Protein backbone atom coordinates (compact mmCIF):
# COMPACT_ATOMS: atom_id res chain seq x y z
CA MET A 1 0.00 0.00 0.00
CA SER A 2 1.08 3.57 -0.56
CA LYS A 3 1.95 5.15 2.77
CA GLY A 4 4.45 7.53 4.22
CA ASP A 5 7.92 6.02 4.38
CA ASP A 6 7.92 6.08 8.18
CA LEU A 7 4.45 4.69 8.86
CA ALA A 8 4.02 1.01 9.65
CA THR A 9 0.85 -0.78 10.74
CA ILE A 10 1.09 -3.69 13.17
CA ALA A 11 -2.03 -5.81 13.57
CA VAL A 12 -2.53 -8.02 16.61
CA TYR A 13 -4.85 -10.72 15.32
CA SER A 14 -5.97 -14.25 16.01
CA LEU A 15 -8.66 -16.56 14.74
CA LYS A 16 -9.38 -17.45 18.38
CA GLY A 17 -10.50 -15.21 21.20
CA GLY A 18 -9.01 -15.32 24.68
CA VAL A 19 -5.38 -15.52 23.58
CA GLY A 20 -4.24 -12.15 24.92
CA LYS A 21 -4.61 -9.90 21.88
CA THR A 22 -5.37 -6.79 23.91
CA THR A 23 -2.48 -7.46 26.26
CA PHE A 24 -0.17 -7.59 23.25
CA ALA A 25 -1.66 -4.54 21.54
CA VAL A 26 -1.42 -2.32 24.63
CA ASN A 27 2.12 -3.37 25.53
CA LEU A 28 3.39 -3.12 21.96
CA ALA A 29 1.94 0.38 21.73
CA TRP A 30 3.80 1.23 24.94
CA ALA A 31 7.05 -0.21 23.57
CA SER A 32 6.60 1.73 20.34
CA ALA A 33 6.13 5.02 22.18
CA LYS A 34 8.57 4.54 25.04
CA ASN A 35 11.31 2.24 23.73
CA SER A 36 11.43 3.53 20.16
CA ALA A 37 10.06 7.06 20.63
CA ARG A 38 7.63 6.46 17.78
CA ARG A 39 4.55 8.58 17.26
CA THR A 40 2.06 5.87 18.13
CA LEU A 41 -1.66 5.31 17.59
CA LEU A 42 -3.56 2.39 19.14
CA TRP A 43 -6.70 1.67 17.09
CA ASP A 44 -9.19 -0.56 18.89
CA LEU A 45 -11.29 -2.46 16.34
CA ASP A 46 -12.75 -5.00 18.77
CA PRO A 47 -16.34 -4.25 19.89
CA GLN A 48 -15.46 -5.69 23.31
CA ALA A 49 -13.32 -2.52 23.65
CA ALA A 50 -10.87 -3.95 26.18
CA ALA A 51 -7.96 -1.80 24.99
CA THR A 52 -10.24 1.24 25.08
CA TRP A 53 -11.29 0.47 28.64
CA MET A 54 -7.68 0.06 29.69
CA LEU A 55 -6.26 3.23 28.16
CA SER A 56 -9.13 5.62 27.52
CA ALA A 57 -9.19 8.88 29.43
CA ASN A 58 -12.88 9.27 28.55
CA ALA A 59 -15.12 6.81 30.39
CA LYS A 60 -18.18 7.62 28.28
CA GLY A 61 -18.59 5.75 25.01
CA ARG A 62 -20.36 7.56 22.18
CA ASP A 63 -21.12 4.74 19.72
CA GLU A 64 -19.21 6.47 16.94
CA ALA A 65 -16.40 4.04 16.17
CA GLN A 66 -18.14 2.65 13.08
CA ALA A 67 -18.84 6.15 11.73
CA ILE A 68 -15.24 6.43 10.58
CA PHE A 69 -15.91 3.76 7.98
CA SER A 70 -19.50 4.50 6.96
CA LYS A 71 -19.75 8.28 6.85
CA ASP A 72 -17.79 11.25 5.67
CA VAL A 73 -16.14 11.55 9.07
CA ASP A 74 -12.54 12.68 9.40
CA VAL A 75 -10.70 9.83 11.11
CA GLU A 76 -8.56 12.35 12.97
CA ALA A 77 -11.69 13.77 14.63
CA LEU A 78 -12.02 10.57 16.69
CA ILE A 79 -8.40 10.39 17.84
CA ARG A 80 -7.94 11.05 21.54
CA PRO A 81 -4.95 11.06 23.87
CA SER A 82 -4.76 7.89 25.95
CA THR A 83 -3.87 7.74 29.62
CA VAL A 84 -0.26 7.00 28.60
CA GLU A 85 1.81 9.89 27.31
CA GLY A 86 2.91 9.30 23.73
CA ILE A 87 0.05 6.96 22.79
CA ASP A 88 -3.06 8.22 21.02
CA LEU A 89 -6.21 6.13 20.83
CA ILE A 90 -9.13 5.51 18.50
CA ALA A 91 -11.64 3.98 20.84
CA ALA A 92 -13.90 1.01 20.19
CA ASP A 93 -17.55 0.79 21.17
CA THR A 94 -20.60 -1.38 20.55
CA SER A 95 -21.22 0.16 17.12
CA LEU A 96 -18.38 -2.04 15.83
CA ARG A 97 -20.63 -5.10 16.18
CA GLY A 98 -22.05 -4.17 12.78
CA LEU A 99 -18.68 -3.54 11.14
CA ASP A 100 -18.54 -6.81 9.19
CA ARG A 101 -21.89 -6.10 7.54
CA LEU A 102 -20.86 -2.54 6.82
CA PHE A 103 -17.62 -3.58 5.12
CA PHE A 104 -19.56 -6.11 3.05
CA GLU A 105 -22.09 -3.48 1.98
CA LEU A 106 -19.40 -0.91 1.21
CA GLY A 107 -17.61 -3.32 -1.10
CA LYS A 108 -14.35 -1.44 -0.55
CA LYS A 109 -11.69 -4.02 0.27
CA LYS A 110 -9.10 -1.42 1.28
CA ARG A 111 -11.24 1.04 3.23
CA LEU A 112 -9.18 0.59 6.41
CA ALA A 113 -5.91 0.81 4.49
CA LYS A 114 -7.06 4.07 2.91
CA LEU A 115 -7.88 5.58 6.28
CA ILE A 116 -4.50 4.51 7.65
CA GLU A 117 -2.76 6.06 4.65
CA GLY A 118 -4.32 9.38 5.60
CA LEU A 119 -2.56 9.25 8.98
CA SER A 120 0.94 8.83 7.56
CA LYS A 121 2.04 12.37 8.38
CA ARG A 122 0.87 12.15 11.98
CA TYR A 123 2.12 8.73 13.11
CA ASP A 124 5.07 6.37 12.75
CA ARG A 125 3.38 3.24 14.13
CA ILE A 126 -0.28 2.23 14.22
CA ILE A 127 -1.21 -0.77 16.36
CA LEU A 128 -4.51 -2.48 15.51
CA ASP A 129 -6.27 -4.47 18.24
CA CYS A 130 -8.43 -6.75 16.10
CA PRO A 131 -11.53 -8.86 16.79
CA PRO A 132 -11.14 -12.63 16.40
CA GLY A 133 -12.36 -14.68 13.45
CA LEU A 134 -12.03 -14.73 9.66
CA THR A 135 -14.46 -11.95 8.78
CA GLU A 136 -14.86 -8.91 6.54
CA THR A 137 -13.06 -6.91 9.23
CA SER A 138 -10.13 -9.32 9.30
CA GLU A 139 -9.94 -9.06 5.51
CA GLN A 140 -9.54 -5.30 5.88
CA VAL A 141 -6.94 -5.72 8.61
CA LEU A 142 -4.84 -8.24 6.67
CA ARG A 143 -4.81 -5.92 3.66
CA ALA A 144 -3.82 -2.90 5.74
CA ALA A 145 -1.14 -4.36 8.01
CA ASP A 146 2.59 -4.39 7.35
CA ILE A 147 3.05 -7.18 9.87
CA VAL A 148 0.56 -9.41 11.69
CA ILE A 149 1.29 -10.49 15.27
CA VAL A 150 -0.55 -13.71 16.13
CA PRO A 151 -0.63 -14.62 19.84
CA VAL A 152 -0.67 -18.40 20.27
CA ILE A 153 -1.34 -20.23 23.53
CA PRO A 154 0.91 -23.34 23.61
CA SER A 155 -1.98 -25.73 22.97
CA PRO A 156 -3.07 -27.81 19.96
CA LEU A 157 -6.26 -25.80 19.36
CA SER A 158 -4.50 -22.44 19.42
CA GLN A 159 -1.70 -23.68 17.15
CA ARG A 160 -4.30 -25.15 14.79
CA ALA A 161 -5.93 -21.70 14.59
CA LEU A 162 -2.57 -20.24 13.56
CA GLY A 163 -2.33 -22.84 10.80
CA GLU A 164 -5.81 -21.93 9.57
CA VAL A 165 -4.82 -18.27 9.30
CA ALA A 166 -1.65 -19.17 7.38
CA ARG A 167 -3.57 -21.40 4.98
CA TYR A 168 -6.18 -18.73 4.43
CA LEU A 169 -3.54 -16.16 3.51
CA VAL A 170 -1.82 -18.54 1.11
CA GLN A 171 -5.10 -19.51 -0.56
CA ARG A 172 -6.02 -15.87 -1.03
CA GLY A 173 -3.13 -15.71 -3.45
CA ASP A 174 -2.70 -11.92 -3.68
CA GLY A 175 0.28 -11.62 -1.37
CA HIS A 176 0.03 -10.96 2.33
CA SER A 177 1.80 -9.31 5.20
CA PRO A 178 4.34 -11.38 7.13
CA ILE A 179 3.00 -13.26 10.14
CA LEU A 180 4.94 -13.26 13.41
CA PRO A 181 3.56 -15.91 15.80
CA VAL A 182 4.18 -15.32 19.48
CA TYR A 183 3.51 -17.65 22.39
CA SER A 184 1.10 -16.17 24.94
CA MET A 185 0.24 -17.13 28.53
CA VAL A 186 3.15 -19.55 28.73
CA ASP A 187 3.35 -21.67 31.87
CA ARG A 188 6.52 -23.73 31.69
CA ARG A 189 5.36 -25.91 34.57
CA ARG A 190 2.97 -27.52 32.10
CA SER A 191 4.50 -30.22 29.95
CA LEU A 192 2.34 -29.22 26.97
CA HIS A 193 3.65 -25.66 27.15
CA ARG A 194 7.26 -26.78 27.56
CA THR A 195 7.01 -29.11 24.57
CA ALA A 196 5.45 -26.45 22.35
CA THR A 197 8.01 -23.78 23.20
CA GLU A 198 10.87 -26.24 22.70
CA GLU A 199 9.54 -27.03 19.22
CA ASN A 200 9.63 -23.32 18.29
CA PRO A 201 12.51 -21.91 20.34
CA ASN A 202 12.80 -18.80 18.17
CA TRP A 203 9.27 -17.61 18.87
CA PRO A 204 8.97 -14.87 21.50
CA ALA A 205 7.16 -16.25 24.54
CA VAL A 206 5.27 -14.06 27.00
CA PRO A 207 4.79 -15.85 30.32
CA MET A 208 1.63 -16.20 32.33
CA ALA A 209 2.61 -13.79 35.08
CA SER A 210 1.16 -11.68 37.85
CA ALA A 211 2.32 -8.53 36.06
CA VAL A 212 0.11 -9.40 33.09
CA GLU A 213 -2.86 -10.01 35.37
CA GLN A 214 -2.25 -6.70 37.17
CA MET A 215 -2.69 -4.76 33.92
CA ALA A 216 -6.48 -4.94 34.23
CA ALA A 217 -6.45 -3.80 37.86
CA ARG A 218 -4.04 -0.95 37.22
CA ARG A 219 -5.32 -0.17 33.69
CA LYS A 220 -1.75 0.40 32.55
CA PRO A 221 0.79 -1.30 30.28
CA ILE A 222 3.29 -3.48 32.13
CA GLY A 223 6.13 -1.11 31.36
CA GLU A 224 4.44 1.57 33.45
CA PHE A 225 4.53 -0.40 36.72
CA ALA A 226 6.80 -3.46 36.27
CA PRO A 227 9.41 -2.51 33.66
CA THR A 228 11.96 -5.11 34.80
CA SER A 229 9.51 -8.03 34.99
CA PRO A 230 10.03 -11.06 32.69
CA ALA A 231 6.82 -10.18 30.82
CA ALA A 232 7.96 -6.60 30.19
CA LYS A 233 11.30 -7.87 28.92
CA GLN A 234 9.55 -10.26 26.53
CA PHE A 235 7.40 -7.49 25.11
CA ALA A 236 10.51 -5.35 24.63
CA TYR A 237 12.19 -8.28 22.86
CA LEU A 238 9.12 -8.77 20.67
CA TRP A 239 9.04 -5.10 19.76
CA GLN A 240 12.70 -5.23 18.75
CA ALA A 241 11.89 -8.20 16.50
CA ILE A 242 9.03 -6.26 14.93
CA GLU A 243 11.22 -3.24 14.26
CA ARG A 244 13.88 -5.45 12.68
CA ARG A 245 11.27 -7.06 10.45
CA LEU A 246 9.85 -3.68 9.43
CA ALA A 247 13.31 -2.38 8.59
CA LYS A 248 13.56 -5.08 5.92
CA ARG A 249 10.41 -3.99 4.10
């Protein structure tokens, strides 16, 4: 896609729910802003709005998230500062429940990519927190992203979901963004988790840790309150891997 030379879009996506997508999106946005000093936008596309709840300074939703796509609304008009300095936010709300139908009716396969292109002068990195499933919205995301981060719990079902995404992209046949699978919620006390991580030793692996659980209570990225924790270090390592991959574009 045609974008500013400095802008890159990182989608956090999975076929399955409950794999930690929001945890990844929020902490990668933090790493982008704090570790790399990038002008960073976190765009919450999931109607569950977990990332919005965690980082929004405005507690009142206005059911306007879908309007960006359906109306002649300037996308920049819905950008707000988050509670973390250096990260801006486009909030999600319940209006996004109808986004798949809207994209289908619009018939514009690159509507999201076009909106992102318009932000190229304002941001260096855009992080997309995506809803699960292979849907019209995921089609838009996969066309817009420069790299797709796929959190994978070390279990057969979660790894099967990763394979389904890979097969889907190959079958589509029009080229696709690189996929970077990452183990999520790793508990090395479990033999299944140990076996899976040993089979893919080069994958980043974010542990199941108290710091991750505390994010919801504190409503902050891990780097804000536990910067030296193993989980924070893994997110920093993952962000470095993303930046290296983007540098090769």
